């Protein structure tokens, strides 16, 4: 990995969804495992996602990762920013 690439870490994972982020939260990767689609969120999209993610986690602290991430994927509209994963 080059010095210009930020490393990503797994933040939350369930059976159907996974969320990864850079250490500085400047970039998020939201995956729908079942659909094989991934949303790469940077800039304003990443900032909005961080706010939305924190708000849902605060509002529904007992939700499992799949519940939280599905809410963001479907109702949050982040599925519109996704593209199909390569084979």
PDB file of N, CA and C in Angstrom:
ATOM      1  N   UNK A   1       0.851  -1.173   0.000  1.00  0.00           N
ATOM      2  CA  UNK A   1       0.000   0.000   0.000  1.00  0.00           C
ATOM      3  C   UNK A   1       0.894   1.233   0.000  1.00  0.00           C
ATOM      4  N   UNK A   2       0.607   2.183  -0.852  1.00  0.00           N
ATOM      5  CA  UNK A   2       1.432   3.379  -0.932  1.00  0.00           C
ATOM      6  C   UNK A   2       1.103   4.324   0.211  1.00  0.00           C
ATOM      7  N   UNK A   3       1.970   5.307   0.416  1.00  0.00           N
ATOM      8  CA  UNK A   3       1.762   6.288   1.479  1.00  0.00           C
ATOM      9  C   UNK A   3       0.572   7.188   1.196  1.00  0.00           C
ATOM     10  N   UNK A   4       0.130   7.266  -0.057  1.00  0.00           N
ATOM     11  CA  UNK A   4      -0.989   8.120  -0.427  1.00  0.00           C
ATOM     12  C   UNK A   4      -2.339   7.466  -0.168  1.00  0.00           C
ATOM     13  N   UNK A   5      -2.365   6.191   0.084  1.00  0.00           N
ATOM     14  CA  UNK A   5      -3.612   5.483   0.313  1.00  0.00           C
ATOM     15  C   UNK A   5      -3.889   5.413   1.813  1.00  0.00           C
ATOM     16  N   UNK A   6      -5.095   5.783   2.188  1.00  0.00           N
ATOM     17  CA  UNK A   6      -5.495   5.689   3.581  1.00  0.00           C
ATOM     18  C   UNK A   6      -5.972   4.273   3.857  1.00  0.00           C
ATOM     19  N   UNK A   7      -5.631   3.762   5.027  1.00  0.00           N
ATOM     20  CA  UNK A   7      -6.112   2.434   5.371  1.00  0.00           C
ATOM     21  C   UNK A   7      -7.544   2.526   5.889  1.00  0.00           C
ATOM     22  N   UNK A   8      -8.305   1.499   5.618  1.00  0.00           N
ATOM     23  CA  UNK A   8      -9.690   1.454   6.081  1.00  0.00           C
ATOM     24  C   UNK A   8      -9.822   0.350   7.116  1.00  0.00           C
ATOM     25  N   UNK A   9     -10.740   0.578   8.046  1.00  0.00           N
ATOM     26  CA  UNK A   9     -10.987  -0.394   9.100  1.00  0.00           C
ATOM     27  C   UNK A   9     -12.469  -0.708   9.147  1.00  0.00           C
ATOM     28  N   UNK A  10     -12.782  -1.918   9.541  1.00  0.00           N
ATOM     29  CA  UNK A  10     -14.160  -2.330   9.692  1.00  0.00           C
ATOM     30  C   UNK A  10     -14.765  -1.629  10.902  1.00  0.00           C
ATOM     31  N   UNK A  11     -15.887  -0.950  10.685  1.00  0.00           N
ATOM     32  CA  UNK A  11     -16.579  -0.225  11.756  1.00  0.00           C
ATOM     33  C   UNK A  11     -17.756  -1.041  12.273  1.00  0.00           C
ATOM     34  N   UNK A  12     -18.529  -1.608  11.372  1.00  0.00           N
ATOM     35  CA  UNK A  12     -19.709  -2.400  11.743  1.00  0.00           C
ATOM     36  C   UNK A  12     -19.957  -3.432  10.656  1.00  0.00           C
ATOM     37  N   UNK A  13     -20.419  -4.615  11.080  1.00  0.00           N
ATOM     38  CA  UNK A  13     -20.701  -5.658  10.097  1.00  0.00           C
ATOM     39  C   UNK A  13     -21.816  -6.551  10.599  1.00  0.00           C
ATOM     40  N   UNK A  14     -22.694  -6.883   9.686  1.00  0.00           N
ATOM     41  CA  UNK A  14     -23.759  -7.845   9.942  1.00  0.00           C
ATOM     42  C   UNK A  14     -23.760  -8.865   8.827  1.00  0.00           C
ATOM     43  N   UNK A  15     -24.825  -9.635   8.768  1.00  0.00           N
ATOM     44  CA  UNK A  15     -24.940 -10.661   7.732  1.00  0.00           C
ATOM     45  C   UNK A  15     -25.101 -10.047   6.343  1.00  0.00           C
ATOM     46  N   UNK A  16     -25.819  -8.906   6.265  1.00  0.00           N
ATOM     47  CA  UNK A  16     -26.170  -8.314   4.972  1.00  0.00           C
ATOM     48  C   UNK A  16     -25.402  -7.042   4.614  1.00  0.00           C
ATOM     49  N   UNK A  17     -24.838  -6.366   5.602  1.00  0.00           N
ATOM     50  CA  UNK A  17     -24.172  -5.083   5.356  1.00  0.00           C
ATOM     51  C   UNK A  17     -22.847  -5.014   6.092  1.00  0.00           C
ATOM     52  N   UNK A  18     -21.965  -4.168   5.566  1.00  0.00           N
ATOM     53  CA  UNK A  18     -20.695  -3.900   6.229  1.00  0.00           C
ATOM     54  C   UNK A  18     -20.364  -2.424   6.041  1.00  0.00           C
ATOM     55  N   UNK A  19     -19.712  -1.853   7.050  1.00  0.00           N
ATOM     56  CA  UNK A  19     -19.282  -0.462   7.003  1.00  0.00           C
ATOM     57  C   UNK A  19     -17.809  -0.388   7.352  1.00  0.00           C
ATOM     58  N   UNK A  20     -17.059   0.244   6.463  1.00  0.00           N
ATOM     59  CA  UNK A  20     -15.637   0.477   6.695  1.00  0.00           C
ATOM     60  C   UNK A  20     -15.389   1.980   6.627  1.00  0.00           C
ATOM     61  N   UNK A  21     -14.314   2.435   7.277  1.00  0.00           N
ATOM     62  CA  UNK A  21     -13.988   3.860   7.260  1.00  0.00           C
ATOM     63  C   UNK A  21     -12.491   4.052   7.413  1.00  0.00           C
ATOM     64  N   UNK A  22     -12.022   5.194   6.928  1.00  0.00           N
ATOM     65  CA  UNK A  22     -10.641   5.581   7.172  1.00  0.00           C
ATOM     66  C   UNK A  22     -10.533   6.064   8.618  1.00  0.00           C
ATOM     67  N   UNK A  23      -9.329   6.091   9.139  1.00  0.00           N
ATOM     68  CA  UNK A  23      -9.114   6.496  10.528  1.00  0.00           C
ATOM     69  C   UNK A  23      -9.650   7.892  10.820  1.00  0.00           C
ATOM     70  N   UNK A  24      -9.589   8.781   9.834  1.00  0.00           N
ATOM     71  CA  UNK A  24     -10.033  10.160  10.036  1.00  0.00           C
ATOM     72  C   UNK A  24     -11.495  10.382   9.641  1.00  0.00           C
ATOM     73  N   UNK A  25     -12.202   9.316   9.286  1.00  0.00           N
ATOM     74  CA  UNK A  25     -13.609   9.368   8.860  1.00  0.00           C
ATOM     75  C   UNK A  25     -13.839  10.257   7.643  1.00  0.00           C
ATOM     76  N   UNK A  26     -12.810  10.433   6.840  1.00  0.00           N
ATOM     77  CA  UNK A  26     -12.942  11.231   5.616  1.00  0.00           C
ATOM     78  C   UNK A  26     -13.566  10.413   4.492  1.00  0.00           C
ATOM     79  N   UNK A  27     -13.553   9.085   4.635  1.00  0.00           N
ATOM     80  CA  UNK A  27     -14.091   8.196   3.613  1.00  0.00           C
ATOM     81  C   UNK A  27     -14.770   7.020   4.289  1.00  0.00           C
ATOM     82  N   UNK A  28     -15.960   6.688   3.801  1.00  0.00           N
ATOM     83  CA  UNK A  28     -16.697   5.523   4.281  1.00  0.00           C
ATOM     84  C   UNK A  28     -16.993   4.608   3.102  1.00  0.00           C
ATOM     85  N   UNK A  29     -17.038   3.320   3.377  1.00  0.00           N
ATOM     86  CA  UNK A  29     -17.428   2.333   2.381  1.00  0.00           C
ATOM     87  C   UNK A  29     -18.580   1.541   2.987  1.00  0.00           C
ATOM     88  N   UNK A  30     -19.740   1.671   2.376  1.00  0.00           N
ATOM     89  CA  UNK A  30     -20.939   0.975   2.830  1.00  0.00           C
ATOM     90  C   UNK A  30     -21.272  -0.098   1.805  1.00  0.00           C
ATOM     91  N   UNK A  31     -21.274  -1.355   2.259  1.00  0.00           N
ATOM     92  CA  UNK A  31     -21.499  -2.489   1.355  1.00  0.00           C
ATOM     93  C   UNK A  31     -22.823  -3.176   1.652  1.00  0.00           C
ATOM     94  N   UNK A  32     -23.540  -3.494   0.593  1.00  0.00           N
ATOM     95  CA  UNK A  32     -24.682  -4.389   0.673  1.00  0.00           C
ATOM     96  C   UNK A  32     -24.189  -5.739   0.166  1.00  0.00           C
ATOM     97  N   UNK A  33     -23.939  -6.644   1.088  1.00  0.00           N
ATOM     98  CA  UNK A  33     -23.371  -7.944   0.726  1.00  0.00           C
ATOM     99  C   UNK A  33     -24.317  -8.750  -0.156  1.00  0.00           C
ATOM    100  N   UNK A  34     -25.599  -8.698   0.147  1.00  0.00           N
ATOM    101  CA  UNK A  34     -26.578  -9.491  -0.599  1.00  0.00           C
ATOM    102  C   UNK A  34     -26.721  -9.022  -2.039  1.00  0.00           C
ATOM    103  N   UNK A  35     -26.628  -7.702  -2.247  1.00  0.00           N
ATOM    104  CA  UNK A  35     -26.806  -7.132  -3.583  1.00  0.00           C
ATOM    105  C   UNK A  35     -25.494  -6.974  -4.347  1.00  0.00           C
ATOM    106  N   UNK A  36     -24.365  -7.150  -3.668  1.00  0.00           N
ATOM    107  CA  UNK A  36     -23.042  -6.941  -4.259  1.00  0.00           C
ATOM    108  C   UNK A  36     -22.879  -5.517  -4.785  1.00  0.00           C
ATOM    109  N   UNK A  37     -23.352  -4.539  -3.987  1.00  0.00           N
ATOM    110  CA  UNK A  37     -23.203  -3.132  -4.312  1.00  0.00           C
ATOM    111  C   UNK A  37     -22.433  -2.440  -3.189  1.00  0.00           C
ATOM    112  N   UNK A  38     -21.650  -1.422  -3.555  1.00  0.00           N
ATOM    113  CA  UNK A  38     -20.845  -0.679  -2.596  1.00  0.00           C
ATOM    114  C   UNK A  38     -20.973   0.811  -2.864  1.00  0.00           C
ATOM    115  N   UNK A  39     -21.153   1.566  -1.798  1.00  0.00           N
ATOM    116  CA  UNK A  39     -21.163   3.030  -1.881  1.00  0.00           C
ATOM    117  C   UNK A  39     -19.863   3.542  -1.271  1.00  0.00           C
ATOM    118  N   UNK A  40     -19.090   4.285  -2.061  1.00  0.00           N
ATOM    119  CA  UNK A  40     -17.860   4.921  -1.593  1.00  0.00           C
ATOM    120  C   UNK A  40     -18.204   6.378  -1.311  1.00  0.00           C
ATOM    121  N   UNK A  41     -18.125   6.762  -0.051  1.00  0.00           N
ATOM    122  CA  UNK A  41     -18.561   8.092   0.376  1.00  0.00           C
ATOM    123  C   UNK A  41     -17.361   8.931   0.786  1.00  0.00           C
ATOM    124  N   UNK A  42     -17.224  10.085   0.132  1.00  0.00           N
ATOM    125  CA  UNK A  42     -16.124  11.002   0.412  1.00  0.00           C
ATOM    126  C   UNK A  42     -16.657  12.424   0.439  1.00  0.00           C
ATOM    127  N   UNK A  43     -15.888  13.329   0.987  1.00  0.00           N
ATOM    128  CA  UNK A  43     -16.257  14.739   0.984  1.00  0.00           C
ATOM    129  C   UNK A  43     -17.560  15.007   1.711  1.00  0.00           C
ATOM    130  N   UNK A  44     -18.450  15.754   1.054  1.00  0.00           N
ATOM    131  CA  UNK A  44     -19.738  16.110   1.658  1.00  0.00           C
ATOM    132  C   UNK A  44     -20.593  14.876   1.933  1.00  0.00           C
ATOM    133  N   UNK A  45     -20.522  13.874   1.059  1.00  0.00           N
ATOM    134  CA  UNK A  45     -21.286  12.644   1.274  1.00  0.00           C
ATOM    135  C   UNK A  45     -20.819  11.933   2.550  1.00  0.00           C
ATOM    136  N   UNK A  46     -19.508  11.901   2.774  1.00  0.00           N
ATOM    137  CA  UNK A  46     -18.973  11.263   3.984  1.00  0.00           C
ATOM    138  C   UNK A  46     -19.374  12.037   5.236  1.00  0.00           C
ATOM    139  N   UNK A  47     -19.343  13.352   5.166  1.00  0.00           N
ATOM    140  CA  UNK A  47     -19.734  14.173   6.314  1.00  0.00           C
ATOM    141  C   UNK A  47     -21.209  13.970   6.649  1.00  0.00           C
ATOM    142  N   UNK A  48     -22.059  13.929   5.632  1.00  0.00           N
ATOM    143  CA  UNK A  48     -23.488  13.702   5.851  1.00  0.00           C
ATOM    144  C   UNK A  48     -23.717  12.297   6.400  1.00  0.00           C
ATOM    145  N   UNK A  49     -22.994  11.310   5.860  1.00  0.00           N
ATOM    146  CA  UNK A  49     -23.133   9.946   6.339  1.00  0.00           C
ATOM    147  C   UNK A  49     -22.762   9.843   7.809  1.00  0.00           C
ATOM    148  N   UNK A  50     -21.656  10.457   8.198  1.00  0.00           N
ATOM    149  CA  UNK A  50     -21.216  10.411   9.603  1.00  0.00           C
ATOM    150  C   UNK A  50     -22.304  10.966  10.517  1.00  0.00           C
ATOM    151  N   UNK A  51     -22.907  12.072  10.114  1.00  0.00           N
ATOM    152  CA  UNK A  51     -23.983  12.679  10.896  1.00  0.00           C
ATOM    153  C   UNK A  51     -25.187  11.756  10.970  1.00  0.00           C
ATOM    154  N   UNK A  52     -25.581  11.196   9.837  1.00  0.00           N
ATOM    155  CA  UNK A  52     -26.732  10.292   9.792  1.00  0.00           C
ATOM    156  C   UNK A  52     -26.473   9.022  10.609  1.00  0.00           C
ATOM    157  N   UNK A  53     -25.296   8.461  10.478  1.00  0.00           N
ATOM    158  CA  UNK A  53     -24.933   7.238  11.193  1.00  0.00           C
ATOM    159  C   UNK A  53     -24.958   7.466  12.704  1.00  0.00           C
ATOM    160  N   UNK A  54     -24.357   8.563  13.135  1.00  0.00           N
ATOM    161  CA  UNK A  54     -24.340   8.879  14.566  1.00  0.00           C
ATOM    162  C   UNK A  54     -25.749   9.118  15.104  1.00  0.00           C
ATOM    163  N   UNK A  55     -26.590   9.786  14.323  1.00  0.00           N
ATOM    164  CA  UNK A  55     -27.959  10.076  14.754  1.00  0.00           C
ATOM    165  C   UNK A  55     -28.772   8.791  14.919  1.00  0.00           C
ATOM    166  N   UNK A  56     -28.650   7.873  13.977  1.00  0.00           N
ATOM    167  CA  UNK A  56     -29.389   6.611  14.068  1.00  0.00           C
ATOM    168  C   UNK A  56     -28.885   5.770  15.233  1.00  0.00           C
ATOM    169  N   UNK A  57     -27.589   5.742  15.432  1.00  0.00           N
ATOM    170  CA  UNK A  57     -27.038   4.960  16.545  1.00  0.00           C
ATOM    171  C   UNK A  57     -27.477   5.542  17.889  1.00  0.00           C
ATOM    172  N   UNK A  58     -27.603   6.859  17.954  1.00  0.00           N
ATOM    173  CA  UNK A  58     -28.051   7.490  19.195  1.00  0.00           C
ATOM    174  C   UNK A  58     -29.550   7.252  19.413  1.00  0.00           C
ATOM    175  N   UNK A  59     -30.321   7.318  18.335  1.00  0.00           N
ATOM    176  CA  UNK A  59     -31.766   7.144  18.430  1.00  0.00           C
ATOM    177  C   UNK A  59     -32.158   5.688  18.701  1.00  0.00           C
ATOM    178  N   UNK A  60     -31.392   4.752  18.146  1.00  0.00           N
ATOM    179  CA  UNK A  60     -31.692   3.322  18.284  1.00  0.00           C
ATOM    180  C   UNK A  60     -30.444   2.569  18.754  1.00  0.00           C
ATOM    181  N   UNK A  61     -30.026   2.785  19.995  1.00  0.00           N
ATOM    182  CA  UNK A  61     -28.761   2.195  20.466  1.00  0.00           C
ATOM    183  C   UNK A  61     -28.754   0.667  20.529  1.00  0.00           C
ATOM    184  N   UNK A  62     -29.909   0.040  20.571  1.00  0.00           N
ATOM    185  CA  UNK A  62     -29.976  -1.421  20.663  1.00  0.00           C
ATOM    186  C   UNK A  62     -30.021  -2.118  19.313  1.00  0.00           C
ATOM    187  N   UNK A  63     -30.076  -1.354  18.231  1.00  0.00           N
ATOM    188  CA  UNK A  63     -30.116  -1.954  16.901  1.00  0.00           C
ATOM    189  C   UNK A  63     -28.815  -2.670  16.595  1.00  0.00           C
ATOM    190  N   UNK A  64     -28.939  -3.782  15.904  1.00  0.00           N
ATOM    191  CA  UNK A  64     -27.790  -4.528  15.412  1.00  0.00           C
ATOM    192  C   UNK A  64     -27.236  -3.809  14.165  1.00  0.00           C
ATOM    193  N   UNK A  65     -25.984  -4.102  13.781  1.00  0.00           N
ATOM    194  CA  UNK A  65     -25.402  -3.423  12.613  1.00  0.00           C
ATOM    195  C   UNK A  65     -26.259  -3.498  11.357  1.00  0.00           C
ATOM    196  N   UNK A  66     -26.828  -4.666  11.066  1.00  0.00           N
ATOM    197  CA  UNK A  66     -27.646  -4.780   9.855  1.00  0.00           C
ATOM    198  C   UNK A  66     -28.857  -3.850   9.893  1.00  0.00           C
ATOM    199  N   UNK A  67     -29.470  -3.673  11.054  1.00  0.00           N
ATOM    200  CA  UNK A  67     -30.624  -2.775  11.159  1.00  0.00           C
ATOM    201  C   UNK A  67     -30.209  -1.331  10.887  1.00  0.00           C
ATOM    202  N   UNK A  68     -29.129  -0.914  11.503  1.00  0.00           N
ATOM    203  CA  UNK A  68     -28.641   0.455  11.331  1.00  0.00           C
ATOM    204  C   UNK A  68     -28.223   0.707   9.891  1.00  0.00           C
ATOM    205  N   UNK A  69     -27.423  -0.185   9.343  1.00  0.00           N
ATOM    206  CA  UNK A  69     -26.903   0.011   7.987  1.00  0.00           C
ATOM    207  C   UNK A  69     -27.996  -0.118   6.938  1.00  0.00           C
ATOM    208  N   UNK A  70     -28.966  -0.999   7.158  1.00  0.00           N
ATOM    209  CA  UNK A  70     -30.090  -1.122   6.218  1.00  0.00           C
ATOM    210  C   UNK A  70     -30.906   0.162   6.204  1.00  0.00           C
ATOM    211  N   UNK A  71     -31.090   0.766   7.376  1.00  0.00           N
ATOM    212  CA  UNK A  71     -31.821   2.035   7.462  1.00  0.00           C
ATOM    213  C   UNK A  71     -31.120   3.110   6.644  1.00  0.00           C
ATOM    214  N   UNK A  72     -29.814   3.187   6.760  1.00  0.00           N
ATOM    215  CA  UNK A  72     -29.046   4.172   5.992  1.00  0.00           C
ATOM    216  C   UNK A  72     -29.064   3.847   4.498  1.00  0.00           C
ATOM    217  N   UNK A  73     -28.933   2.579   4.175  1.00  0.00           N
ATOM    218  CA  UNK A  73     -28.913   2.133   2.780  1.00  0.00           C
ATOM    219  C   UNK A  73     -30.230   2.467   2.087  1.00  0.00           C
ATOM    220  N   UNK A  74     -31.337   2.098   2.728  1.00  0.00           N
ATOM    221  CA  UNK A  74     -32.656   2.258   2.111  1.00  0.00           C
ATOM    222  C   UNK A  74     -33.248   3.647   2.341  1.00  0.00           C
ATOM    223  N   UNK A  75     -33.480   3.983   3.587  1.00  0.00           N
ATOM    224  CA  UNK A  75     -34.155   5.245   3.915  1.00  0.00           C
ATOM    225  C   UNK A  75     -33.222   6.447   3.823  1.00  0.00           C
ATOM    226  N   UNK A  76     -31.946   6.229   4.083  1.00  0.00           N
ATOM    227  CA  UNK A  76     -30.983   7.324   4.010  1.00  0.00           C
ATOM    228  C   UNK A  76     -30.594   7.687   2.591  1.00  0.00           C
ATOM    229  N   UNK A  77     -30.896   6.804   1.656  1.00  0.00           N
ATOM    230  CA  UNK A  77     -30.626   7.084   0.251  1.00  0.00           C
ATOM    231  C   UNK A  77     -29.221   6.766  -0.214  1.00  0.00           C
ATOM    232  N   UNK A  78     -28.426   6.123   0.624  1.00  0.00           N
ATOM    233  CA  UNK A  78     -27.049   5.853   0.219  1.00  0.00           C
ATOM    234  C   UNK A  78     -26.948   4.770  -0.850  1.00  0.00           C
ATOM    235  N   UNK A  79     -27.997   3.999  -1.038  1.00  0.00           N
ATOM    236  CA  UNK A  79     -27.989   3.003  -2.113  1.00  0.00           C
ATOM    237  C   UNK A  79     -27.894   3.674  -3.480  1.00  0.00           C
ATOM    238  N   UNK A  80     -28.370   4.902  -3.579  1.00  0.00           N
ATOM    239  CA  UNK A  80     -28.299   5.654  -4.843  1.00  0.00           C
ATOM    240  C   UNK A  80     -26.869   6.004  -5.218  1.00  0.00           C
ATOM    241  N   UNK A  81     -25.986   5.996  -4.247  1.00  0.00           N
ATOM    242  CA  UNK A  81     -24.593   6.339  -4.500  1.00  0.00           C
ATOM    243  C   UNK A  81     -23.724   5.105  -4.747  1.00  0.00           C
ATOM    244  N   UNK A  82     -24.344   3.938  -4.722  1.00  0.00           N
ATOM    245  CA  UNK A  82     -23.607   2.679  -4.837  1.00  0.00           C
ATOM    246  C   UNK A  82     -23.452   2.235  -6.288  1.00  0.00           C
ATOM    247  N   UNK A  83     -22.426   1.443  -6.473  1.00  0.00           N
ATOM    248  CA  UNK A  83     -22.212   0.800  -7.771  1.00  0.00           C
ATOM    249  C   UNK A  83     -21.945  -0.679  -7.530  1.00  0.00           C
ATOM    250  N   UNK A  84     -22.161  -1.467  -8.579  1.00  0.00           N
ATOM    251  CA  UNK A  84     -21.991  -2.911  -8.457  1.00  0.00           C
ATOM    252  C   UNK A  84     -20.523  -3.246  -8.278  1.00  0.00           C
ATOM    253  N   UNK A  85     -20.268  -4.196  -7.394  1.00  0.00           N
ATOM    254  CA  UNK A  85     -18.903  -4.631  -7.140  1.00  0.00           C
ATOM    255  C   UNK A  85     -18.400  -5.446  -8.325  1.00  0.00           C
ATOM    256  N   UNK A  86     -17.103  -5.372  -8.577  1.00  0.00           N
ATOM    257  CA  UNK A  86     -16.494  -6.154  -9.654  1.00  0.00           C
ATOM    258  C   UNK A  86     -16.466  -7.614  -9.265  1.00  0.00           C
ATOM    259  N   UNK A  87     -16.523  -8.473 -10.262  1.00  0.00           N
ATOM    260  CA  UNK A  87     -16.471  -9.930 -10.004  1.00  0.00           C
ATOM    261  C   UNK A  87     -15.144 -10.362  -9.469  1.00  0.00           C
TER     262      UNK A  87
END
